[in-house]
Amino acid sequence: MVLTCTALVGGCADTIGGTPTSSRTTSATEVAGLPVTDGPSGPKNQAPEPDQPVAGTDHGTTDELARNAVADVEDFWADAFPATFDGASFDPVSRLVSYDSRAPRGVRLCGADTKGLANAFYCPTDDLIAWDRGDLLPQLSAEFGPMAPVAVLAHEMGHAVQKRAGTAGPDDPVIVLEQQADCYTGSYFRHVAEGSSEHFEISTGNGLNQVLGVLDHIRDVPGTSDFRVQDAHGSAFDRVTAFQFGFAEGPERCTRMDFADVAERTTQFEFWKDGQDEDLPVDRESVDAVVTSLREVFVETGAEPPVITTAPADCPGRTTTSPAAYCPETNTVSLDLDELREIGAPPEPGDPTAGRGDFAAYAQIASRYALSVQQAAGLPLDDPAAGLRTACLVGSWSGLLLEDPIGQRNPVGRLRIAPGDVDEGVAAMLTEDSLVAADVTGAQAPAGFARVEAFRVGFQDGFSPCTTNYV
């Protein structure tokens, strides 16, 4: 989770400027075409009882939730599979197994001992899905709500779909299989969000936020693996992207995920340069480097760069935001370095009081700078879409700072983001107090799913769609 300055000046990047070519528009009150809702998320009352047995069960609430989840996902695929794969029928998995990883003695499943194995998995050789009822599923439920185990088991069912449909080649690295399974999970959750599930319901606001939080939680440790190696599962950005593809476009999109598709958009890289695992300190020198980078990226927009100050600045008739604020009347961004330092401190798993990382701090500055770009384009800064435009513009800045070891990107200027930085941005956008997807008043776009999606559009496509896609 690093934001670093490199001594090498990059060449000119192929930024997307000029006349926008996209005609797609996205409402700030929708999530992939569905209205933003904040109702209940979890099991439905009086849902039908599945009849598939679970080996090893203790008949507790965790196993009941897991069995209902598998049954519901299989009901979805009973219809979606033939519609996606030329009429082929879907066969349920042969066996479900529950185990307790805390038990003094484990059992052998798919060649592994379950003692201490806090996991859920699909075993293709035995065509079974197994889960840890003692540690993993209860922990996920406690942290992310009752739909978290459902997300994990829908992902494992995605691997069963791969086997039945043959959508992953024998030589594909693990990350391709994982991306497909995340995508299939997204298509199932679309089914739930539309109200078509017998067993579960989910809101497109906080409910989906929690599911995306699960994907952030189970990401690979940043900088520890490359997407080309066999054990890479994906960054949070990669996994959320795949989920969103499935949610927005359906399972057919998932079938088109291959190595080339992943390689084009991944942020899953090992640290390959000295200093990439060191955070950029939040101080005036670093702020100056970030501001220089923002000016370099957005120069093609023709917008007048805002004045940046680290001193308190009033804005006539407006309540300022913290830790960064934009004043349209004076075209000034004012910063509170002390608060930014708190945000920029390294995150600690399980500690909500810890920081969110250096990129999460500097993305706050970028978000207020992005408001000056919108103002120059004559766009409102406090309408419902302003937060999504802001997230998209921050994403475009981020995408033009990413350097990869295989040379697919040609970043702008001297500032670089490193493995894990974008994941910090994703995590920040799923909270309720970040400015990364907020308007000039600090009001966030209402759905975390839409915030991350807008960021991703900018990251992948540049800044042109940001001022045309969000209305």
Protein backbone atom coordinates (compact mmCIF):
# COMPACT_ATOMS: atom_id res chain seq x y z
CA MET A 1 0.00 0.00 0.00
CA VAL A 2 2.41 2.57 -1.26
CA LEU A 3 2.41 5.84 -3.11
CA THR A 4 5.94 6.45 -4.31
CA CYS A 5 7.90 8.96 -6.35
CA THR A 6 10.23 7.56 -8.97
CA ALA A 7 13.39 9.23 -10.15
CA LEU A 8 12.55 8.31 -13.73
CA VAL A 9 10.31 10.61 -15.67
CA GLY A 10 7.73 8.67 -17.64
CA GLY A 11 6.89 9.45 -21.22
CA CYS A 12 3.67 10.91 -22.53
CA ALA A 13 0.69 8.73 -21.71
CA ASP A 14 -2.19 7.89 -24.00
CA THR A 15 -4.79 9.76 -21.98
CA ILE A 16 -8.34 9.94 -23.25
CA GLY A 17 -9.16 13.55 -23.96
CA GLY A 18 -11.12 15.61 -26.43
CA THR A 19 -14.62 14.72 -27.54
CA PRO A 20 -16.17 11.91 -25.47
CA THR A 21 -17.13 8.81 -27.44
CA SER A 22 -19.34 7.14 -24.82
CA SER A 23 -23.10 7.71 -24.87
CA ARG A 24 -23.78 5.60 -21.77
CA THR A 25 -25.23 7.51 -18.86
CA THR A 26 -25.55 6.35 -15.27
CA SER A 27 -27.90 7.78 -12.69
CA ALA A 28 -26.56 8.47 -9.21
CA THR A 29 -29.73 6.93 -7.79
CA GLU A 30 -29.17 3.57 -9.50
CA VAL A 31 -26.86 0.57 -9.19
CA ALA A 32 -26.37 -1.07 -12.60
CA GLY A 33 -29.92 -0.06 -13.55
CA LEU A 34 -31.53 -0.99 -10.21
CA PRO A 35 -32.72 1.68 -7.76
CA VAL A 36 -30.52 2.34 -4.74
CA THR A 37 -32.20 0.85 -1.68
CA ASP A 38 -31.30 0.59 1.98
CA GLY A 39 -33.73 -2.06 3.15
CA PRO A 40 -32.99 -5.36 4.91
CA SER A 41 -30.31 -7.79 3.75
CA GLY A 42 -30.21 -11.41 4.82
CA PRO A 43 -32.37 -14.55 4.97
CA LYS A 44 -36.04 -14.21 4.14
CA ASN A 45 -38.63 -15.32 6.65
CA GLN A 46 -40.41 -18.62 5.97
CA ALA A 47 -38.08 -19.63 3.13
CA PRO A 48 -38.47 -23.22 1.89
CA GLU A 49 -36.37 -25.87 3.57
CA PRO A 50 -33.68 -27.41 1.30
CA ASP A 51 -33.59 -31.18 1.13
CA GLN A 52 -29.90 -31.69 0.34
CA PRO A 53 -28.08 -33.29 3.32
CA VAL A 54 -24.95 -31.77 4.86
CA ALA A 55 -22.28 -34.19 6.07
CA GLY A 56 -20.70 -33.34 9.43
CA THR A 57 -23.29 -30.72 10.35
CA ASP A 58 -24.00 -29.69 13.92
CA HIS A 59 -27.49 -28.52 12.81
CA GLY A 60 -26.70 -24.99 14.01
CA THR A 61 -27.60 -21.62 12.52
CA THR A 62 -24.36 -21.32 10.54
CA ASP A 63 -24.93 -24.61 8.74
CA GLU A 64 -28.57 -23.72 8.15
CA LEU A 65 -27.50 -20.46 6.51
CA ALA A 66 -24.84 -22.22 4.43
CA ARG A 67 -27.16 -24.97 3.24
CA ASN A 68 -29.81 -22.41 2.28
CA ALA A 69 -27.15 -20.41 0.44
CA VAL A 70 -26.00 -23.37 -1.65
CA ALA A 71 -29.60 -24.35 -2.42
CA ASP A 72 -30.47 -20.82 -3.48
CA VAL A 73 -27.43 -20.44 -5.71
CA GLU A 74 -28.22 -23.80 -7.32
CA ASP A 75 -31.79 -22.61 -7.95
CA PHE A 76 -30.36 -19.59 -9.74
CA TRP A 77 -28.06 -21.70 -11.91
CA ALA A 78 -30.86 -24.13 -12.77
CA ASP A 79 -32.25 -21.33 -14.95
CA ALA A 80 -29.13 -19.28 -15.70
CA PHE A 81 -26.94 -22.20 -16.80
CA PRO A 82 -29.04 -23.34 -19.78
CA ALA A 83 -29.64 -19.71 -20.75
CA THR A 84 -25.90 -19.06 -20.75
CA PHE A 85 -24.59 -22.35 -22.12
CA ASP A 86 -26.81 -23.23 -25.08
CA GLY A 87 -29.51 -25.09 -23.21
CA ALA A 88 -27.24 -27.36 -21.16
CA SER A 89 -28.77 -28.49 -17.88
CA PHE A 90 -27.18 -27.72 -14.53
CA ASP A 91 -26.44 -30.56 -12.11
CA PRO A 92 -26.28 -29.73 -8.38
CA VAL A 93 -23.04 -30.51 -6.58
CA SER A 94 -22.81 -34.07 -5.34
CA ARG A 95 -22.04 -33.39 -1.68
CA LEU A 96 -22.05 -30.67 0.99
CA VAL A 97 -19.71 -30.91 3.98
CA SER A 98 -19.52 -28.82 7.14
CA TYR A 99 -16.55 -28.94 9.50
CA ASP A 100 -15.16 -27.06 12.49
CA SER A 101 -11.59 -25.89 11.95
CA ARG A 102 -11.21 -25.43 15.73
CA ALA A 103 -11.88 -29.11 16.47
CA PRO A 104 -8.96 -31.04 18.05
CA ARG A 105 -9.06 -33.48 15.14
CA GLY A 106 -9.82 -32.66 11.53
CA VAL A 107 -11.19 -34.73 8.69
CA ARG A 108 -9.69 -35.35 5.25
CA LEU A 109 -11.40 -33.48 2.43
CA CYS A 110 -10.01 -33.22 -1.06
CA GLY A 111 -6.61 -34.35 0.21
CA ALA A 112 -6.40 -31.76 3.00
CA ASP A 113 -6.79 -31.93 6.77
CA THR A 114 -9.51 -29.53 7.99
CA LYS A 115 -7.88 -28.94 11.39
CA GLY A 116 -7.04 -25.22 11.46
CA LEU A 117 -8.36 -24.79 7.89
CA ALA A 118 -10.53 -21.65 8.13
CA ASN A 119 -11.79 -21.87 4.58
CA ALA A 120 -14.58 -22.71 2.18
CA PHE A 121 -13.84 -24.52 -1.04
CA TYR A 122 -15.11 -26.47 -4.03
CA CYS A 123 -13.36 -29.79 -4.66
CA PRO A 124 -13.64 -30.73 -8.35
CA THR A 125 -12.41 -34.30 -7.92
CA ASP A 126 -15.20 -35.10 -5.45
CA ASP A 127 -17.67 -32.46 -6.71
CA LEU A 128 -18.27 -31.18 -3.20
CA ILE A 129 -18.54 -27.83 -1.46
CA ALA A 130 -17.21 -27.62 2.11
CA TRP A 131 -17.15 -24.81 4.65
CA ASP A 132 -15.76 -24.06 8.08
CA ARG A 133 -18.66 -23.44 10.46
CA GLY A 134 -16.38 -22.93 13.46
CA ASP A 135 -14.27 -19.94 12.44
CA LEU A 136 -14.59 -18.60 8.89
CA LEU A 137 -18.32 -18.25 8.32
CA PRO A 138 -19.16 -16.92 11.81
CA GLN A 139 -16.31 -14.42 11.59
CA LEU A 140 -17.46 -13.16 8.20
CA SER A 141 -21.06 -12.89 9.42
CA ALA A 142 -19.97 -10.90 12.44
CA GLU A 143 -17.88 -8.48 10.39
CA PHE A 144 -19.88 -8.14 7.19
CA GLY A 145 -23.40 -9.37 7.96
CA PRO A 146 -25.37 -12.51 7.09
CA MET A 147 -24.89 -12.18 3.32
CA ALA A 148 -21.12 -12.59 3.67
CA PRO A 149 -21.24 -16.42 3.92
CA VAL A 150 -23.69 -16.40 1.02
CA ALA A 151 -21.13 -14.50 -1.09
CA VAL A 152 -18.38 -16.97 -0.21
CA LEU A 153 -20.50 -20.00 -1.08
CA ALA A 154 -21.79 -18.40 -4.29
CA HIS A 155 -18.14 -17.97 -5.25
CA GLU A 156 -17.43 -21.65 -4.60
CA MET A 157 -20.47 -22.58 -6.66
CA GLY A 158 -18.92 -20.45 -9.40
CA HIS A 159 -16.06 -22.95 -9.51
CA ALA A 160 -18.59 -25.76 -9.89
CA VAL A 161 -20.09 -23.85 -12.82
CA GLN A 162 -16.62 -23.62 -14.37
CA LYS A 163 -16.20 -27.38 -14.19
CA ARG A 164 -19.61 -28.07 -15.68
CA ALA A 165 -19.28 -25.51 -18.47
CA GLY A 166 -15.55 -25.83 -19.15
CA THR A 167 -15.07 -22.06 -19.10
CA ALA A 168 -11.56 -22.17 -17.62
CA GLY A 169 -8.73 -23.76 -19.55
CA PRO A 170 -6.31 -26.25 -17.95
CA ASP A 171 -3.40 -23.84 -18.40
CA ASP A 172 -5.16 -20.74 -17.08
CA PRO A 173 -3.58 -19.31 -13.92
CA VAL A 174 -5.61 -19.35 -10.73
CA ILE A 175 -6.50 -15.68 -11.02
CA VAL A 176 -8.57 -16.36 -14.15
CA LEU A 177 -10.57 -19.03 -12.31
CA GLU A 178 -11.02 -16.71 -9.34
CA GLN A 179 -12.12 -13.79 -11.52
CA GLN A 180 -14.69 -15.97 -13.26
CA ALA A 181 -16.01 -17.23 -9.93
CA ASP A 182 -16.25 -13.65 -8.58
CA CYS A 183 -18.09 -12.67 -11.75
CA TYR A 184 -20.52 -15.58 -11.43
CA THR A 185 -21.07 -14.48 -7.83
CA GLY A 186 -22.02 -11.02 -9.05
CA SER A 187 -24.56 -12.43 -11.49
CA TYR A 188 -26.18 -14.41 -8.66
CA PHE A 189 -26.37 -11.33 -6.45
CA ARG A 190 -28.11 -9.45 -9.27
CA HIS A 191 -30.76 -12.18 -9.09
CA VAL A 192 -31.08 -11.59 -5.33
CA ALA A 193 -31.15 -7.78 -5.68
CA GLU A 194 -33.97 -8.07 -8.22
CA GLY A 195 -36.06 -9.90 -5.62
CA SER A 196 -35.99 -13.25 -7.42
CA SER A 197 -34.39 -15.31 -4.64
CA GLU A 198 -36.55 -17.58 -2.50
CA HIS A 199 -34.17 -17.53 0.45
CA PHE A 200 -32.44 -14.12 0.57
CA GLU A 201 -32.85 -10.41 0.02
CA ILE A 202 -30.25 -7.66 -0.30
CA SER A 203 -30.30 -3.89 -0.52
CA THR A 204 -28.35 -2.24 -3.30
CA GLY A 205 -27.01 0.29 -0.81
CA ASN A 206 -25.44 -0.98 2.40
CA GLY A 207 -26.18 -4.63 1.59
CA LEU A 208 -24.00 -4.65 -1.52
CA ASN A 209 -21.43 -2.51 0.30
CA GLN A 210 -20.97 -5.34 2.78
CA VAL A 211 -20.61 -7.95 0.03
CA LEU A 212 -17.95 -5.84 -1.69
CA GLY A 213 -16.29 -5.54 1.70
CA VAL A 214 -15.99 -9.33 1.79
CA LEU A 215 -14.14 -9.27 -1.54
CA ASP A 216 -11.80 -6.63 -0.14
CA HIS A 217 -11.26 -8.82 2.93
CA ILE A 218 -10.31 -11.96 0.98
CA ARG A 219 -7.96 -10.27 -1.49
CA ASP A 220 -4.32 -11.24 -1.83
CA VAL A 221 -1.87 -9.37 0.38
CA PRO A 222 -0.71 -6.44 -1.77
CA GLY A 223 2.67 -6.83 -3.41
CA THR A 224 3.10 -10.53 -2.53
CA SER A 225 2.18 -12.11 -5.85
CA ASP A 226 1.89 -11.40 -9.54
CA PHE A 227 -1.22 -12.18 -11.56
CA ARG A 228 0.81 -14.53 -13.78
CA VAL A 229 1.76 -16.92 -10.97
CA GLN A 230 -0.37 -19.95 -10.17
CA ASP A 231 -1.46 -18.98 -6.66
CA ALA A 232 -2.61 -15.37 -7.30
CA HIS A 233 -6.29 -14.79 -6.47
CA GLY A 234 -6.50 -11.06 -7.19
CA SER A 235 -6.39 -7.64 -5.61
CA ALA A 236 -9.53 -6.14 -4.07
CA PHE A 237 -9.87 -3.95 -7.17
CA ASP A 238 -9.65 -7.01 -9.44
CA ARG A 239 -12.16 -9.01 -7.44
CA VAL A 240 -14.67 -6.19 -7.07
CA THR A 241 -14.36 -5.44 -10.79
CA ALA A 242 -15.16 -9.05 -11.70
CA PHE A 243 -18.15 -9.08 -9.32
CA GLN A 244 -19.46 -5.86 -10.85
CA PHE A 245 -19.14 -7.24 -14.38
CA GLY A 246 -21.30 -10.20 -13.40
CA PHE A 247 -23.81 -8.04 -11.55
CA ALA A 248 -24.19 -5.53 -14.38
CA GLU A 249 -23.82 -7.75 -17.46
CA GLY A 250 -24.78 -11.25 -16.36
CA PRO A 251 -23.01 -14.62 -16.52
CA GLU A 252 -22.30 -14.41 -20.24
CA ARG A 253 -19.74 -11.69 -19.47
CA CYS A 254 -18.04 -14.08 -17.08
CA THR A 255 -17.54 -16.69 -19.77
CA ARG A 256 -15.39 -14.19 -21.71
CA MET A 257 -12.91 -13.78 -18.88
CA ASP A 258 -9.56 -15.20 -19.89
CA PHE A 259 -5.92 -14.42 -19.29
CA ALA A 260 -5.88 -11.52 -21.78
CA ASP A 261 -8.97 -9.98 -20.18
CA VAL A 262 -7.42 -10.12 -16.72
CA ALA A 263 -4.00 -8.90 -17.86
CA GLU A 264 -5.52 -5.81 -19.46
CA ARG A 265 -7.07 -4.48 -16.24
CA THR A 266 -5.33 -6.13 -13.30
CA THR A 267 -3.59 -4.29 -10.47
CA GLN A 268 -2.21 -7.57 -9.08
CA PHE A 269 1.57 -7.14 -9.18
CA GLU A 270 4.44 -8.01 -6.90
CA PHE A 271 6.67 -5.24 -5.59
CA TRP A 272 9.35 -5.03 -8.25
CA LYS A 273 11.25 -1.87 -7.27
CA ASP A 274 12.99 -0.74 -4.11
CA GLY A 275 10.81 1.43 -1.88
CA GLN A 276 7.44 0.23 -3.18
CA ASP A 277 6.54 -1.15 0.23
CA GLU A 278 7.15 2.19 1.94
CA ASP A 279 4.32 4.69 2.38
CA LEU A 280 4.71 8.22 1.10
CA PRO A 281 4.64 10.48 4.19
CA VAL A 282 1.83 12.97 4.44
CA ASP A 283 3.74 16.26 4.48
CA ARG A 284 4.00 19.40 2.41
CA GLU A 285 6.68 18.00 0.12
CA SER A 286 4.57 14.97 -0.73
CA VAL A 287 1.47 17.11 -1.15
CA ASP A 288 3.37 19.22 -3.68
CA ALA A 289 4.31 16.04 -5.59
CA VAL A 290 0.67 14.92 -5.64
CA VAL A 291 -0.54 18.33 -6.80
CA THR A 292 2.07 18.37 -9.57
CA SER A 293 0.83 14.96 -10.66
CA LEU A 294 -2.78 16.14 -10.71
CA ARG A 295 -1.85 19.10 -12.88
CA GLU A 296 0.03 16.84 -15.29
CA VAL A 297 -2.86 14.41 -15.60
CA PHE A 298 -5.62 17.00 -16.02
CA VAL A 299 -3.76 19.50 -18.21
CA GLU A 300 -5.65 18.25 -21.27
CA THR A 301 -8.97 19.32 -19.76
CA GLY A 302 -7.93 22.97 -19.99
CA ALA A 303 -9.17 23.57 -16.43
CA GLU A 304 -7.38 26.25 -14.42
CA PRO A 305 -5.53 24.44 -11.61
CA PRO A 306 -6.82 25.34 -8.16
CA VAL A 307 -4.74 27.05 -5.50
CA ILE A 308 -3.63 24.56 -2.82
CA THR A 309 -3.25 25.71 0.77
CA THR A 310 -2.50 23.90 4.02
CA ALA A 311 -3.78 26.84 6.04
CA PRO A 312 -7.43 27.20 7.11
CA ALA A 313 -9.41 28.92 4.37
CA ASP A 314 -12.90 30.35 4.56
CA CYS A 315 -15.32 29.89 1.69
CA PRO A 316 -18.04 32.56 1.66
CA GLY A 317 -21.48 31.09 2.21
CA ARG A 318 -20.26 27.49 2.36
CA THR A 319 -19.53 24.92 5.03
CA THR A 320 -16.14 23.38 4.31
CA THR A 321 -15.40 19.66 4.29
CA SER A 322 -12.59 17.88 6.11
CA PRO A 323 -9.77 16.85 5.72
CA ALA A 324 -9.87 18.62 2.35
CA ALA A 325 -12.22 21.25 0.98
CA TYR A 326 -12.85 22.93 -2.34
CA CYS A 327 -14.10 26.52 -2.59
CA PRO A 328 -15.57 27.18 -6.06
CA GLU A 329 -15.68 30.94 -5.56
CA THR A 330 -11.91 31.17 -5.09
CA ASN A 331 -10.89 27.94 -6.90
CA THR A 332 -8.99 26.89 -3.79
CA VAL A 333 -8.36 23.51 -2.21
CA SER A 334 -7.57 23.75 1.50
CA LEU A 335 -6.08 20.84 3.44
CA ASP A 336 -5.82 19.75 7.05
CA LEU A 337 -2.50 17.89 7.12
CA ASP A 338 -3.01 16.52 10.62
CA GLU A 339 -6.26 14.82 9.64
CA LEU A 340 -4.76 13.60 6.38
CA ARG A 341 -1.89 12.04 8.35
CA GLU A 342 -4.38 10.10 10.45
CA ILE A 343 -6.07 8.76 7.33
CA GLY A 344 -2.72 8.03 5.69
CA ALA A 345 -1.41 5.90 8.55
CA PRO A 346 -0.99 2.22 7.66
CA PRO A 347 -4.20 0.19 8.09
CA GLU A 348 -4.35 -2.60 10.66
CA PRO A 349 -6.62 -5.59 9.98
CA GLY A 350 -9.50 -5.67 12.43
CA ASP A 351 -8.73 -2.21 13.85
CA PRO A 352 -11.32 0.36 12.70
CA THR A 353 -9.41 3.17 14.44
CA ALA A 354 -6.26 2.63 12.36
CA GLY A 355 -5.46 4.59 9.22
CA ARG A 356 -6.44 3.65 5.69
CA GLY A 357 -3.09 4.08 3.96
CA ASP A 358 -1.30 6.84 2.10
CA PHE A 359 -3.28 6.49 -1.12
CA ALA A 360 -6.57 6.83 0.77
CA ALA A 361 -5.29 10.14 2.14
CA TYR A 362 -4.02 11.52 -1.15
CA ALA A 363 -7.18 10.45 -2.97
CA GLN A 364 -9.02 12.91 -0.71
CA ILE A 365 -6.90 15.72 -2.18
CA ALA A 366 -7.48 14.41 -5.69
CA SER A 367 -11.23 14.41 -5.09
CA ARG A 368 -11.29 18.12 -4.23
CA TYR A 369 -9.02 18.88 -7.18
CA ALA A 370 -11.49 16.95 -9.37
CA LEU A 371 -14.22 19.40 -8.35
CA SER A 372 -12.24 22.22 -9.96
CA VAL A 373 -12.19 20.21 -13.20
CA GLN A 374 -15.96 19.83 -13.02
CA GLN A 375 -16.46 23.51 -12.32
CA ALA A 376 -14.35 24.43 -15.36
CA ALA A 377 -16.61 22.18 -17.45
CA GLY A 378 -19.67 24.05 -16.20
CA LEU A 379 -21.00 21.09 -14.23
CA PRO A 380 -22.86 21.41 -10.92
CA LEU A 381 -20.81 20.50 -7.87
CA ASP A 382 -23.67 19.57 -5.55
CA ASP A 383 -26.08 17.59 -7.70
CA PRO A 384 -26.61 13.85 -7.07
CA ALA A 385 -24.13 12.86 -9.79
CA ALA A 386 -21.25 15.09 -8.63
CA GLY A 387 -19.93 12.41 -6.27
CA LEU A 388 -19.80 9.81 -9.06
CA ARG A 389 -18.08 12.24 -11.42
CA THR A 390 -15.57 12.92 -8.67
CA ALA A 391 -14.87 9.22 -8.09
CA CYS A 392 -14.45 8.71 -11.83
CA LEU A 393 -11.97 11.59 -12.12
CA VAL A 394 -9.97 10.31 -9.14
CA GLY A 395 -9.95 6.92 -10.84
CA SER A 396 -8.64 8.43 -14.07
CA TRP A 397 -5.81 10.13 -12.19
CA SER A 398 -4.99 6.84 -10.46
CA GLY A 399 -5.01 4.86 -13.69
CA LEU A 400 -2.50 7.23 -15.25
CA LEU A 401 -0.07 6.74 -12.36
CA LEU A 402 0.01 2.95 -12.45
CA GLU A 403 3.22 1.48 -13.78
CA ASP A 404 3.39 -2.27 -14.28
CA PRO A 405 6.39 -4.57 -14.67
CA ILE A 406 5.21 -5.92 -18.02
CA GLY A 407 5.07 -2.51 -19.68
CA GLN A 408 1.40 -2.40 -20.65
CA ARG A 409 0.95 1.08 -19.20
CA ASN A 410 2.71 4.34 -19.96
CA PRO A 411 2.16 6.45 -16.83
CA VAL A 412 2.22 10.24 -16.60
CA GLY A 413 4.87 12.25 -14.76
CA ARG A 414 7.03 11.06 -11.86
CA LEU A 415 4.49 9.99 -9.25
CA ARG A 416 3.55 6.30 -9.20
CA ILE A 417 1.03 4.20 -7.36
CA ALA A 418 2.21 0.77 -6.29
CA PRO A 419 0.51 -2.58 -5.55
CA GLY A 420 -2.18 -2.13 -2.93
CA ASP A 421 -2.80 1.59 -3.43
CA VAL A 422 -5.95 1.14 -5.49
CA ASP A 423 -7.26 -1.34 -2.90
CA GLU A 424 -6.96 1.42 -0.31
CA GLY A 425 -9.15 3.58 -2.52
CA VAL A 426 -11.73 0.80 -2.88
CA ALA A 427 -11.85 0.30 0.89
CA ALA A 428 -12.25 4.06 1.45
CA MET A 429 -15.16 4.29 -0.99
CA LEU A 430 -17.02 1.57 0.90
CA THR A 431 -16.97 3.65 4.08
CA GLU A 432 -19.45 6.38 4.90
CA ASP A 433 -17.02 9.24 5.59
CA SER A 434 -14.70 9.41 2.57
CA LEU A 435 -14.55 12.32 0.13
CA VAL A 436 -13.34 10.22 -2.81
CA ALA A 437 -16.90 9.93 -4.17
CA ALA A 438 -18.40 13.03 -2.54
CA ASP A 439 -19.70 16.34 -3.87
CA VAL A 440 -18.53 19.79 -2.75
CA THR A 441 -20.63 19.57 0.43
CA GLY A 442 -19.14 16.19 1.38
CA ALA A 443 -22.30 14.24 0.49
CA GLN A 444 -21.34 10.87 -0.95
CA ALA A 445 -22.97 9.12 -3.87
CA PRO A 446 -25.54 6.93 -2.08
CA ALA A 447 -24.27 3.44 -3.04
CA GLY A 448 -20.77 2.10 -2.49
CA PHE A 449 -21.19 -0.18 -5.51
CA ALA A 450 -21.76 2.84 -7.75
CA ARG A 451 -18.85 4.75 -6.18
CA VAL A 452 -16.39 1.95 -6.91
CA GLU A 453 -17.85 1.41 -10.38
CA ALA A 454 -17.38 5.09 -11.26
CA PHE A 455 -13.80 4.98 -9.98
CA ARG A 456 -13.20 1.89 -12.12
CA VAL A 457 -14.59 3.57 -15.26
CA GLY A 458 -12.14 6.42 -14.82
CA PHE A 459 -9.27 4.08 -13.97
CA GLN A 460 -9.80 1.97 -17.08
CA ASP A 461 -11.12 4.49 -19.62
CA GLY A 462 -9.61 7.85 -18.69
CA PHE A 463 -11.35 11.08 -17.74
CA SER A 464 -13.57 11.70 -20.78
CA PRO A 465 -16.44 9.43 -19.63
CA CYS A 466 -16.47 11.07 -16.20
CA THR A 467 -18.19 14.26 -17.33
CA THR A 468 -20.63 12.54 -19.70
CA ASN A 469 -21.63 9.24 -18.09
CA TYR A 470 -22.97 10.56 -14.80
CA VAL A 471 -26.13 12.62 -14.75
